[in-house]
């Protein structure tokens, strides 16, 4: 019996559904169902009540998960012991919006924790970086995960959610995003990216008369342009340092605000590699640092 099946069971119980576990474990719902049936065969009894519209965990499933949770955690701790040296080179693709926010803190953490691991960052758009990972030109990449979930040929590890907001000059008098888009020029985020297309769809829905006057690929450049009074823009919410460096108004887009899922993506063959695990740990450490900085 594979240990990963117990991790999948834990995911089913935590998310409340086979579909939720499939998203978390980066497999199909049918694969989750197959793993649960194999566990039921192994233990000789059903783990779920399937009589209703949804599956409900039986007490035995909860008992198995509780028993294995500590074991899996201890095994993972053994695997990550600092005595296991992580070394070599990692070719890491990074989208523009993450280069100044996530990458620096992650690199600092990696140099401190794994000094023999050398990361070579490569800049690009999500589509380009995904193709490079598939083709073996990159070992991993930090990209925007497609709303459809992304290619099942790749392993997706969620990193963070980012909400899109509207940036306006500090002296703009309009209160709401649609009014700001009607009253000011629209500085459009790169329409060739998934983020840019997501932002453009929101603008077309809420301010159909808005016309872009400038297209830019850099969020930092857009923030500077907005701060200078040259227009408004819908972009991923800037990090605290960028927002503090330039005087801009951040306007929330409301209930239907578009959100991005930023993910670390790699080939399934590398899923259990120490290098990839080091990257995951570095991303988590960078997010903790960013959250601490935002609270100060």
C-alpha atoms as a PDB file:
ATOM      1  CA  UNK A   1       0.000   0.000   0.000  1.00  0.00           C
ATOM      2  CA  UNK A   2       1.468   3.349  -1.038  1.00  0.00           C
ATOM      3  CA  UNK A   3       1.920   5.972   1.667  1.00  0.00           C
ATOM      4  CA  UNK A   4       0.614   8.592  -0.744  1.00  0.00           C
ATOM      5  CA  UNK A   5      -2.827   6.940  -0.552  1.00  0.00           C
ATOM      6  CA  UNK A   6      -3.029   7.852   3.138  1.00  0.00           C
ATOM      7  CA  UNK A   7      -2.097  11.438   2.325  1.00  0.00           C
ATOM      8  CA  UNK A   8      -4.917  11.454  -0.233  1.00  0.00           C
ATOM      9  CA  UNK A   9      -7.348  10.126   2.385  1.00  0.00           C
ATOM     10  CA  UNK A  10      -6.315  12.943   4.709  1.00  0.00           C
ATOM     11  CA  UNK A  11      -6.926  15.434   1.890  1.00  0.00           C
ATOM     12  CA  UNK A  12     -10.414  13.993   1.268  1.00  0.00           C
ATOM     13  CA  UNK A  13     -11.303  14.443   4.932  1.00  0.00           C
ATOM     14  CA  UNK A  14      -9.865  17.971   5.138  1.00  0.00           C
ATOM     15  CA  UNK A  15     -11.446  19.258   1.928  1.00  0.00           C
ATOM     16  CA  UNK A  16     -14.707  17.356   2.353  1.00  0.00           C
ATOM     17  CA  UNK A  17     -14.825  15.892  -1.140  1.00  0.00           C
ATOM     18  CA  UNK A  18     -13.018  13.745  -3.687  1.00  0.00           C
ATOM     19  CA  UNK A  19     -12.844  16.716  -6.055  1.00  0.00           C
ATOM     20  CA  UNK A  20     -11.231  18.913  -3.399  1.00  0.00           C
ATOM     21  CA  UNK A  21      -8.661  16.230  -2.627  1.00  0.00           C
ATOM     22  CA  UNK A  22      -7.948  15.838  -6.344  1.00  0.00           C
ATOM     23  CA  UNK A  23      -7.152  19.544  -6.655  1.00  0.00           C
ATOM     24  CA  UNK A  24      -4.892  19.471  -3.612  1.00  0.00           C
ATOM     25  CA  UNK A  25      -3.065  16.284  -4.611  1.00  0.00           C
ATOM     26  CA  UNK A  26      -2.826  17.291  -8.304  1.00  0.00           C
ATOM     27  CA  UNK A  27      -4.547  14.159  -9.590  1.00  0.00           C
ATOM     28  CA  UNK A  28      -7.915  13.473 -11.212  1.00  0.00           C
ATOM     29  CA  UNK A  29     -11.047  12.750  -9.116  1.00  0.00           C
ATOM     30  CA  UNK A  30     -11.138   9.260 -10.629  1.00  0.00           C
ATOM     31  CA  UNK A  31      -7.596   8.658  -9.350  1.00  0.00           C
ATOM     32  CA  UNK A  32      -8.680   9.727  -5.854  1.00  0.00           C
ATOM     33  CA  UNK A  33     -11.668   7.385  -6.050  1.00  0.00           C
ATOM     34  CA  UNK A  34      -9.414   4.514  -7.134  1.00  0.00           C
ATOM     35  CA  UNK A  35      -7.010   5.144  -4.243  1.00  0.00           C
ATOM     36  CA  UNK A  36      -9.879   5.179  -1.723  1.00  0.00           C
ATOM     37  CA  UNK A  37     -11.217   1.886  -3.091  1.00  0.00           C
ATOM     38  CA  UNK A  38      -7.767   0.320  -2.756  1.00  0.00           C
ATOM     39  CA  UNK A  39      -7.616   1.481   0.859  1.00  0.00           C
ATOM     40  CA  UNK A  40     -11.053  -0.045   1.449  1.00  0.00           C
ATOM     41  CA  UNK A  41      -9.837  -3.332  -0.025  1.00  0.00           C
ATOM     42  CA  UNK A  42      -6.732  -3.201   2.162  1.00  0.00           C
ATOM     43  CA  UNK A  43      -8.743  -2.650   5.366  1.00  0.00           C
ATOM     44  CA  UNK A  44     -11.587  -4.946   4.329  1.00  0.00           C
ATOM     45  CA  UNK A  45     -14.392  -2.452   4.911  1.00  0.00           C
ATOM     46  CA  UNK A  46     -15.863   0.709   3.373  1.00  0.00           C
ATOM     47  CA  UNK A  47     -14.339   3.999   4.480  1.00  0.00           C
ATOM     48  CA  UNK A  48     -17.200   6.138   3.175  1.00  0.00           C
ATOM     49  CA  UNK A  49     -20.976   6.125   3.115  1.00  0.00           C
ATOM     50  CA  UNK A  50     -21.920   6.557  -0.546  1.00  0.00           C
ATOM     51  CA  UNK A  51     -25.691   6.217  -0.133  1.00  0.00           C
ATOM     52  CA  UNK A  52     -26.411   9.947  -0.548  1.00  0.00           C
ATOM     53  CA  UNK A  53     -25.513  12.572  -3.115  1.00  0.00           C
ATOM     54  CA  UNK A  54     -22.109  13.052  -1.495  1.00  0.00           C
ATOM     55  CA  UNK A  55     -19.682  10.701   0.227  1.00  0.00           C
ATOM     56  CA  UNK A  56     -19.477  10.818   4.024  1.00  0.00           C
ATOM     57  CA  UNK A  57     -16.522   9.501   5.987  1.00  0.00           C
ATOM     58  CA  UNK A  58     -17.134   6.560   8.307  1.00  0.00           C
ATOM     59  CA  UNK A  59     -15.451   6.465  11.745  1.00  0.00           C
ATOM     60  CA  UNK A  60     -12.842   4.007  10.449  1.00  0.00           C
ATOM     61  CA  UNK A  61     -11.680   6.568   7.869  1.00  0.00           C
ATOM     62  CA  UNK A  62     -11.191   9.187  10.578  1.00  0.00           C
ATOM     63  CA  UNK A  63      -9.317   6.693  12.749  1.00  0.00           C
ATOM     64  CA  UNK A  64      -6.989   5.673   9.912  1.00  0.00           C
ATOM     65  CA  UNK A  65      -6.267   9.281   8.994  1.00  0.00           C
ATOM     66  CA  UNK A  66      -5.545  10.245  12.599  1.00  0.00           C
ATOM     67  CA  UNK A  67      -3.222   7.264  13.031  1.00  0.00           C
ATOM     68  CA  UNK A  68      -1.295   7.957   9.830  1.00  0.00           C
ATOM     69  CA  UNK A  69      -1.145  11.758  10.106  1.00  0.00           C
ATOM     70  CA  UNK A  70       1.526  11.728  12.797  1.00  0.00           C
ATOM     71  CA  UNK A  71       3.435   8.934  11.061  1.00  0.00           C
ATOM     72  CA  UNK A  72       3.486  10.763   7.729  1.00  0.00           C
ATOM     73  CA  UNK A  73       4.566  13.955   9.453  1.00  0.00           C
ATOM     74  CA  UNK A  74       7.463  12.215  11.198  1.00  0.00           C
ATOM     75  CA  UNK A  75       8.548  10.514   7.976  1.00  0.00           C
ATOM     76  CA  UNK A  76       8.515  13.869   6.179  1.00  0.00           C
ATOM     77  CA  UNK A  77      10.616  15.384   8.978  1.00  0.00           C
ATOM     78  CA  UNK A  78      13.155  12.589   8.581  1.00  0.00           C
ATOM     79  CA  UNK A  79      13.263  13.210   4.844  1.00  0.00           C
ATOM     80  CA  UNK A  80      13.935  16.910   5.360  1.00  0.00           C
ATOM     81  CA  UNK A  81      16.688  16.558   7.961  1.00  0.00           C
ATOM     82  CA  UNK A  82      19.417  19.109   7.432  1.00  0.00           C
ATOM     83  CA  UNK A  83      21.916  16.285   7.236  1.00  0.00           C
ATOM     84  CA  UNK A  84      20.568  15.544   3.767  1.00  0.00           C
ATOM     85  CA  UNK A  85      22.560  17.961   1.634  1.00  0.00           C
ATOM     86  CA  UNK A  86      20.686  19.719  -1.160  1.00  0.00           C
ATOM     87  CA  UNK A  87      23.057  20.788  -3.890  1.00  0.00           C
ATOM     88  CA  UNK A  88      23.337  21.458  -7.593  1.00  0.00           C
ATOM     89  CA  UNK A  89      21.554  23.939  -9.831  1.00  0.00           C
ATOM     90  CA  UNK A  90      17.879  24.761 -10.281  1.00  0.00           C
ATOM     91  CA  UNK A  91      16.600  26.659 -13.308  1.00  0.00           C
ATOM     92  CA  UNK A  92      13.608  28.551 -11.948  1.00  0.00           C
ATOM     93  CA  UNK A  93      11.218  30.518 -14.138  1.00  0.00           C
ATOM     94  CA  UNK A  94       9.533  33.496 -12.468  1.00  0.00           C
ATOM     95  CA  UNK A  95       6.767  35.738 -13.794  1.00  0.00           C
ATOM     96  CA  UNK A  96       7.331  39.490 -13.608  1.00  0.00           C
ATOM     97  CA  UNK A  97       4.902  40.159 -10.757  1.00  0.00           C
ATOM     98  CA  UNK A  98       6.740  37.730  -8.456  1.00  0.00           C
ATOM     99  CA  UNK A  99      10.301  38.840  -9.210  1.00  0.00           C
ATOM    100  CA  UNK A 100      10.366  41.728  -6.764  1.00  0.00           C
ATOM    101  CA  UNK A 101       7.956  40.307  -4.187  1.00  0.00           C
ATOM    102  CA  UNK A 102       8.524  36.582  -3.706  1.00  0.00           C
ATOM    103  CA  UNK A 103      11.907  35.913  -5.311  1.00  0.00           C
ATOM    104  CA  UNK A 104      14.308  38.005  -3.157  1.00  0.00           C
ATOM    105  CA  UNK A 105      13.151  36.596   0.186  1.00  0.00           C
ATOM    106  CA  UNK A 106      13.072  33.061  -1.240  1.00  0.00           C
ATOM    107  CA  UNK A 107      16.643  33.423  -2.536  1.00  0.00           C
ATOM    108  CA  UNK A 108      17.862  34.727   0.833  1.00  0.00           C
ATOM    109  CA  UNK A 109      16.270  31.742   2.588  1.00  0.00           C
ATOM    110  CA  UNK A 110      17.769  29.258   0.131  1.00  0.00           C
ATOM    111  CA  UNK A 111      21.266  30.694   0.508  1.00  0.00           C
ATOM    112  CA  UNK A 112      20.997  30.424   4.277  1.00  0.00           C
ATOM    113  CA  UNK A 113      19.457  26.943   4.408  1.00  0.00           C
ATOM    114  CA  UNK A 114      20.959  25.306   1.299  1.00  0.00           C
ATOM    115  CA  UNK A 115      24.157  27.181   0.366  1.00  0.00           C
ATOM    116  CA  UNK A 116      25.205  24.457  -2.089  1.00  0.00           C
ATOM    117  CA  UNK A 117      22.004  24.867  -4.115  1.00  0.00           C
ATOM    118  CA  UNK A 118      22.357  27.453  -6.871  1.00  0.00           C
ATOM    119  CA  UNK A 119      19.176  28.944  -8.306  1.00  0.00           C
ATOM    120  CA  UNK A 120      19.259  30.497 -11.767  1.00  0.00           C
ATOM    121  CA  UNK A 121      16.153  32.693 -12.185  1.00  0.00           C
ATOM    122  CA  UNK A 122      14.673  33.069 -15.664  1.00  0.00           C
ATOM    123  CA  UNK A 123      12.109  35.763 -16.422  1.00  0.00           C
ATOM    124  CA  UNK A 124       9.115  35.145 -18.657  1.00  0.00           C
ATOM    125  CA  UNK A 125       5.364  35.039 -19.101  1.00  0.00           C
ATOM    126  CA  UNK A 126       3.395  32.145 -17.643  1.00  0.00           C
ATOM    127  CA  UNK A 127       2.710  30.514 -21.029  1.00  0.00           C
ATOM    128  CA  UNK A 128       6.371  30.659 -22.037  1.00  0.00           C
ATOM    129  CA  UNK A 129       7.585  29.347 -18.680  1.00  0.00           C
ATOM    130  CA  UNK A 130       5.111  26.453 -18.700  1.00  0.00           C
ATOM    131  CA  UNK A 131       6.334  25.329 -22.101  1.00  0.00           C
ATOM    132  CA  UNK A 132       9.923  25.563 -20.869  1.00  0.00           C
ATOM    133  CA  UNK A 133       9.095  23.343 -17.869  1.00  0.00           C
ATOM    134  CA  UNK A 134       7.345  20.800 -20.098  1.00  0.00           C
ATOM    135  CA  UNK A 135      10.314  20.768 -22.472  1.00  0.00           C
ATOM    136  CA  UNK A 136      12.880  20.328 -19.709  1.00  0.00           C
ATOM    137  CA  UNK A 137      14.463  23.756 -20.255  1.00  0.00           C
ATOM    138  CA  UNK A 138      13.419  24.774 -16.730  1.00  0.00           C
ATOM    139  CA  UNK A 139      13.256  22.659 -13.588  1.00  0.00           C
ATOM    140  CA  UNK A 140      10.346  24.620 -12.116  1.00  0.00           C
ATOM    141  CA  UNK A 141       8.516  27.906 -12.511  1.00  0.00           C
ATOM    142  CA  UNK A 142       6.423  30.341 -10.504  1.00  0.00           C
ATOM    143  CA  UNK A 143       3.432  31.105 -12.735  1.00  0.00           C
ATOM    144  CA  UNK A 144      -0.233  32.041 -12.721  1.00  0.00           C
ATOM    145  CA  UNK A 145      -2.228  28.804 -12.707  1.00  0.00           C
ATOM    146  CA  UNK A 146      -4.964  28.781 -15.379  1.00  0.00           C
ATOM    147  CA  UNK A 147      -8.543  28.946 -14.099  1.00  0.00           C
ATOM    148  CA  UNK A 148      -9.096  25.512 -15.669  1.00  0.00           C
ATOM    149  CA  UNK A 149      -6.500  24.045 -13.307  1.00  0.00           C
ATOM    150  CA  UNK A 150      -3.633  23.750 -15.750  1.00  0.00           C
ATOM    151  CA  UNK A 151      -2.044  20.872 -17.613  1.00  0.00           C
ATOM    152  CA  UNK A 152      -2.286  17.489 -15.879  1.00  0.00           C
ATOM    153  CA  UNK A 153       1.125  16.710 -17.351  1.00  0.00           C
ATOM    154  CA  UNK A 154       2.575  19.009 -14.688  1.00  0.00           C
ATOM    155  CA  UNK A 155       2.625  19.104 -10.888  1.00  0.00           C
ATOM    156  CA  UNK A 156       0.996  22.242  -9.444  1.00  0.00           C
ATOM    157  CA  UNK A 157       1.867  23.427  -5.934  1.00  0.00           C
ATOM    158  CA  UNK A 158      -0.277  26.414  -4.831  1.00  0.00           C
ATOM    159  CA  UNK A 159       1.813  29.308  -3.515  1.00  0.00           C
ATOM    160  CA  UNK A 160      -0.590  32.219  -2.970  1.00  0.00           C
ATOM    161  CA  UNK A 161      -3.793  33.915  -4.075  1.00  0.00           C
ATOM    162  CA  UNK A 162      -3.596  37.507  -5.309  1.00  0.00           C
ATOM    163  CA  UNK A 163      -6.590  39.764  -5.785  1.00  0.00           C
ATOM    164  CA  UNK A 164      -6.719  42.273  -8.603  1.00  0.00           C
ATOM    165  CA  UNK A 165      -7.343  45.878  -7.563  1.00  0.00           C
ATOM    166  CA  UNK A 166      -7.647  49.227  -9.293  1.00  0.00           C
ATOM    167  CA  UNK A 167      -4.821  51.718  -8.812  1.00  0.00           C
ATOM    168  CA  UNK A 168      -5.701  55.399  -9.064  1.00  0.00           C
ATOM    169  CA  UNK A 169      -3.759  58.657  -8.633  1.00  0.00           C
ATOM    170  CA  UNK A 170      -3.889  59.937  -5.048  1.00  0.00           C
ATOM    171  CA  UNK A 171      -5.864  63.046  -6.039  1.00  0.00           C
ATOM    172  CA  UNK A 172      -8.545  61.203  -8.054  1.00  0.00           C
ATOM    173  CA  UNK A 173     -11.952  62.171  -6.663  1.00  0.00           C
ATOM    174  CA  UNK A 174     -14.082  59.290  -7.991  1.00  0.00           C
ATOM    175  CA  UNK A 175     -14.857  56.673  -5.339  1.00  0.00           C
ATOM    176  CA  UNK A 176     -15.591  53.494  -7.297  1.00  0.00           C
ATOM    177  CA  UNK A 177     -13.558  51.601  -9.866  1.00  0.00           C
ATOM    178  CA  UNK A 178     -16.003  51.917 -12.829  1.00  0.00           C
ATOM    179  CA  UNK A 179     -16.226  55.687 -12.343  1.00  0.00           C
ATOM    180  CA  UNK A 180     -12.444  55.969 -12.143  1.00  0.00           C
ATOM    181  CA  UNK A 181     -12.050  54.014 -15.389  1.00  0.00           C
ATOM    182  CA  UNK A 182     -14.530  56.301 -17.135  1.00  0.00           C
ATOM    183  CA  UNK A 183     -12.881  59.487 -15.859  1.00  0.00           C
ATOM    184  CA  UNK A 184      -9.226  58.576 -16.415  1.00  0.00           C
ATOM    185  CA  UNK A 185      -7.075  56.943 -19.074  1.00  0.00           C
ATOM    186  CA  UNK A 186      -6.663  53.190 -18.739  1.00  0.00           C
ATOM    187  CA  UNK A 187      -3.104  51.928 -18.374  1.00  0.00           C
ATOM    188  CA  UNK A 188      -3.457  48.289 -19.410  1.00  0.00           C
ATOM    189  CA  UNK A 189      -1.403  45.446 -17.975  1.00  0.00           C
ATOM    190  CA  UNK A 190       0.244  43.305 -20.664  1.00  0.00           C
ATOM    191  CA  UNK A 191      -2.694  41.782 -22.618  1.00  0.00           C
ATOM    192  CA  UNK A 192      -0.515  38.856 -23.729  1.00  0.00           C
ATOM    193  CA  UNK A 193      -0.488  37.471 -20.172  1.00  0.00           C
ATOM    194  CA  UNK A 194      -3.215  35.602 -18.320  1.00  0.00           C
ATOM    195  CA  UNK A 195      -3.227  38.330 -15.682  1.00  0.00           C
ATOM    196  CA  UNK A 196      -3.656  41.025 -18.309  1.00  0.00           C
ATOM    197  CA  UNK A 197      -6.522  39.179 -19.982  1.00  0.00           C
ATOM    198  CA  UNK A 198      -8.240  38.666 -16.618  1.00  0.00           C
ATOM    199  CA  UNK A 199      -7.943  42.373 -15.819  1.00  0.00           C
ATOM    200  CA  UNK A 200      -9.174  43.365 -19.287  1.00  0.00           C
ATOM    201  CA  UNK A 201     -12.278  41.154 -18.968  1.00  0.00           C
ATOM    202  CA  UNK A 202     -13.197  42.892 -15.724  1.00  0.00           C
ATOM    203  CA  UNK A 203     -12.695  46.330 -17.269  1.00  0.00           C
ATOM    204  CA  UNK A 204     -14.798  45.477 -20.337  1.00  0.00           C
ATOM    205  CA  UNK A 205     -17.614  44.223 -18.093  1.00  0.00           C
ATOM    206  CA  UNK A 206     -17.689  47.170 -15.685  1.00  0.00           C
ATOM    207  CA  UNK A 207     -16.446  50.044 -17.861  1.00  0.00           C
ATOM    208  CA  UNK A 208     -17.111  48.999 -21.474  1.00  0.00           C
ATOM    209  CA  UNK A 209     -16.202  52.429 -22.802  1.00  0.00           C
ATOM    210  CA  UNK A 210     -12.659  52.340 -21.397  1.00  0.00           C
ATOM    211  CA  UNK A 211      -9.890  52.333 -23.993  1.00  0.00           C
ATOM    212  CA  UNK A 212      -6.237  51.534 -23.197  1.00  0.00           C
ATOM    213  CA  UNK A 213      -3.736  54.302 -23.884  1.00  0.00           C
ATOM    214  CA  UNK A 214      -0.607  52.511 -22.674  1.00  0.00           C
ATOM    215  CA  UNK A 215       0.320  48.808 -22.399  1.00  0.00           C
ATOM    216  CA  UNK A 216       3.002  47.885 -19.859  1.00  0.00           C
ATOM    217  CA  UNK A 217       4.471  44.540 -18.775  1.00  0.00           C
ATOM    218  CA  UNK A 218       5.672  45.660 -15.332  1.00  0.00           C
ATOM    219  CA  UNK A 219       3.433  46.232 -12.319  1.00  0.00           C
ATOM    220  CA  UNK A 220       6.119  48.486 -10.841  1.00  0.00           C
ATOM    221  CA  UNK A 221       6.131  50.623 -13.980  1.00  0.00           C
ATOM    222  CA  UNK A 222       2.336  50.842 -13.880  1.00  0.00           C
ATOM    223  CA  UNK A 223       2.381  51.896 -10.216  1.00  0.00           C
ATOM    224  CA  UNK A 224       4.841  54.672 -11.060  1.00  0.00           C
ATOM    225  CA  UNK A 225       2.738  55.836 -14.027  1.00  0.00           C
ATOM    226  CA  UNK A 226      -0.444  55.899 -11.945  1.00  0.00           C
ATOM    227  CA  UNK A 227       1.332  57.745  -9.140  1.00  0.00           C
ATOM    228  CA  UNK A 228       2.382  60.370 -11.700  1.00  0.00           C
ATOM    229  CA  UNK A 229      -1.271  60.953 -12.582  1.00  0.00           C
ATOM    230  CA  UNK A 230      -1.161  59.379 -16.048  1.00  0.00           C
ATOM    231  CA  UNK A 231      -4.161  57.107 -15.590  1.00  0.00           C
ATOM    232  CA  UNK A 232      -5.655  54.175 -13.682  1.00  0.00           C
ATOM    233  CA  UNK A 233      -4.982  50.455 -13.955  1.00  0.00           C
ATOM    234  CA  UNK A 234      -6.300  47.056 -12.855  1.00  0.00           C
ATOM    235  CA  UNK A 235      -3.396  44.923 -11.633  1.00  0.00           C
ATOM    236  CA  UNK A 236      -2.529  42.387  -8.923  1.00  0.00           C
ATOM    237  CA  UNK A 237      -2.421  44.179  -5.576  1.00  0.00           C
ATOM    238  CA  UNK A 238       1.113  45.593  -5.142  1.00  0.00           C
ATOM    239  CA  UNK A 239       3.214  44.523  -2.199  1.00  0.00           C
ATOM    240  CA  UNK A 240       3.432  46.880   0.774  1.00  0.00           C
ATOM    241  CA  UNK A 241       6.876  48.222  -0.143  1.00  0.00           C
ATOM    242  CA  UNK A 242       5.850  49.147  -3.679  1.00  0.00           C
ATOM    243  CA  UNK A 243       2.640  50.789  -2.481  1.00  0.00           C
ATOM    244  CA  UNK A 244       4.562  52.809   0.115  1.00  0.00           C
ATOM    245  CA  UNK A 245       7.195  53.926  -2.391  1.00  0.00           C
ATOM    246  CA  UNK A 246       4.587  55.477  -4.723  1.00  0.00           C
ATOM    247  CA  UNK A 247       1.532  57.473  -3.729  1.00  0.00           C
ATOM    248  CA  UNK A 248      -1.446  55.633  -5.222  1.00  0.00           C
ATOM    249  CA  UNK A 249      -4.983  54.842  -4.155  1.00  0.00           C
ATOM    250  CA  UNK A 250      -5.865  51.160  -3.988  1.00  0.00           C
ATOM    251  CA  UNK A 251      -9.529  50.590  -4.831  1.00  0.00           C
ATOM    252  CA  UNK A 252     -11.114  47.181  -4.182  1.00  0.00           C
ATOM    253  CA  UNK A 253     -13.149  45.710  -7.018  1.00  0.00           C
ATOM    254  CA  UNK A 254     -15.898  44.177  -4.908  1.00  0.00           C
ATOM    255  CA  UNK A 255     -17.362  40.694  -4.753  1.00  0.00           C
ATOM    256  CA  UNK A 256     -16.463  39.713  -8.287  1.00  0.00           C
ATOM    257  CA  UNK A 257     -12.870  40.917  -8.029  1.00  0.00           C
ATOM    258  CA  UNK A 258     -10.679  38.644 -10.165  1.00  0.00           C
ATOM    259  CA  UNK A 259      -8.159  36.561  -8.245  1.00  0.00           C
ATOM    260  CA  UNK A 260      -4.994  34.853  -9.381  1.00  0.00           C
ATOM    261  CA  UNK A 261      -3.661  31.529  -8.158  1.00  0.00           C
ATOM    262  CA  UNK A 262       0.121  31.706  -8.226  1.00  0.00           C
ATOM    263  CA  UNK A 263       1.686  28.246  -8.237  1.00  0.00           C
ATOM    264  CA  UNK A 264       5.057  26.530  -8.324  1.00  0.00           C
ATOM    265  CA  UNK A 265       4.933  24.136 -11.253  1.00  0.00           C
ATOM    266  CA  UNK A 266       7.263  21.250 -12.099  1.00  0.00           C
ATOM    267  CA  UNK A 267       7.273  17.928 -13.911  1.00  0.00           C
ATOM    268  CA  UNK A 268       5.708  15.003 -11.991  1.00  0.00           C
ATOM    269  CA  UNK A 269       8.987  13.077 -12.202  1.00  0.00           C
ATOM    270  CA  UNK A 270      10.551  15.723  -9.937  1.00  0.00           C
ATOM    271  CA  UNK A 271       7.710  15.725  -7.386  1.00  0.00           C
ATOM    272  CA  UNK A 272       9.670  14.041  -4.601  1.00  0.00           C
ATOM    273  CA  UNK A 273      13.008  15.675  -5.347  1.00  0.00           C
ATOM    274  CA  UNK A 274      14.834  17.534  -2.593  1.00  0.00           C
ATOM    275  CA  UNK A 275      15.468  20.515  -4.847  1.00  0.00           C
ATOM    276  CA  UNK A 276      11.766  21.010  -5.487  1.00  0.00           C
ATOM    277  CA  UNK A 277      11.003  20.611  -1.796  1.00  0.00           C
ATOM    278  CA  UNK A 278      13.633  23.242  -1.017  1.00  0.00           C
ATOM    279  CA  UNK A 279      11.912  25.619  -3.447  1.00  0.00           C
ATOM    280  CA  UNK A 280       8.544  24.980  -1.797  1.00  0.00           C
ATOM    281  CA  UNK A 281       9.994  25.651   1.640  1.00  0.00           C
ATOM    282  CA  UNK A 282      11.645  28.833   0.369  1.00  0.00           C
ATOM    283  CA  UNK A 283       8.347  30.114  -1.054  1.00  0.00           C
ATOM    284  CA  UNK A 284       6.597  29.424   2.246  1.00  0.00           C
ATOM    285  CA  UNK A 285       9.334  31.249   4.173  1.00  0.00           C
ATOM    286  CA  UNK A 286       9.121  34.223   1.795  1.00  0.00           C
ATOM    287  CA  UNK A 287       5.362  34.465   2.320  1.00  0.00           C
ATOM    288  CA  UNK A 288       5.766  34.387   6.103  1.00  0.00           C
ATOM    289  CA  UNK A 289       8.311  37.195   5.865  1.00  0.00           C
ATOM    290  CA  UNK A 290       6.036  39.211   3.577  1.00  0.00           C
ATOM    291  CA  UNK A 291       3.112  38.797   5.965  1.00  0.00           C
ATOM    292  CA  UNK A 292       5.263  39.940   8.868  1.00  0.00           C
ATOM    293  CA  UNK A 293       6.411  42.995   6.938  1.00  0.00           C
ATOM    294  CA  UNK A 294       2.834  43.909   6.037  1.00  0.00           C
ATOM    295  CA  UNK A 295       1.783  43.857   9.713  1.00  0.00           C
ATOM    296  CA  UNK A 296       4.573  46.184  10.815  1.00  0.00           C
END
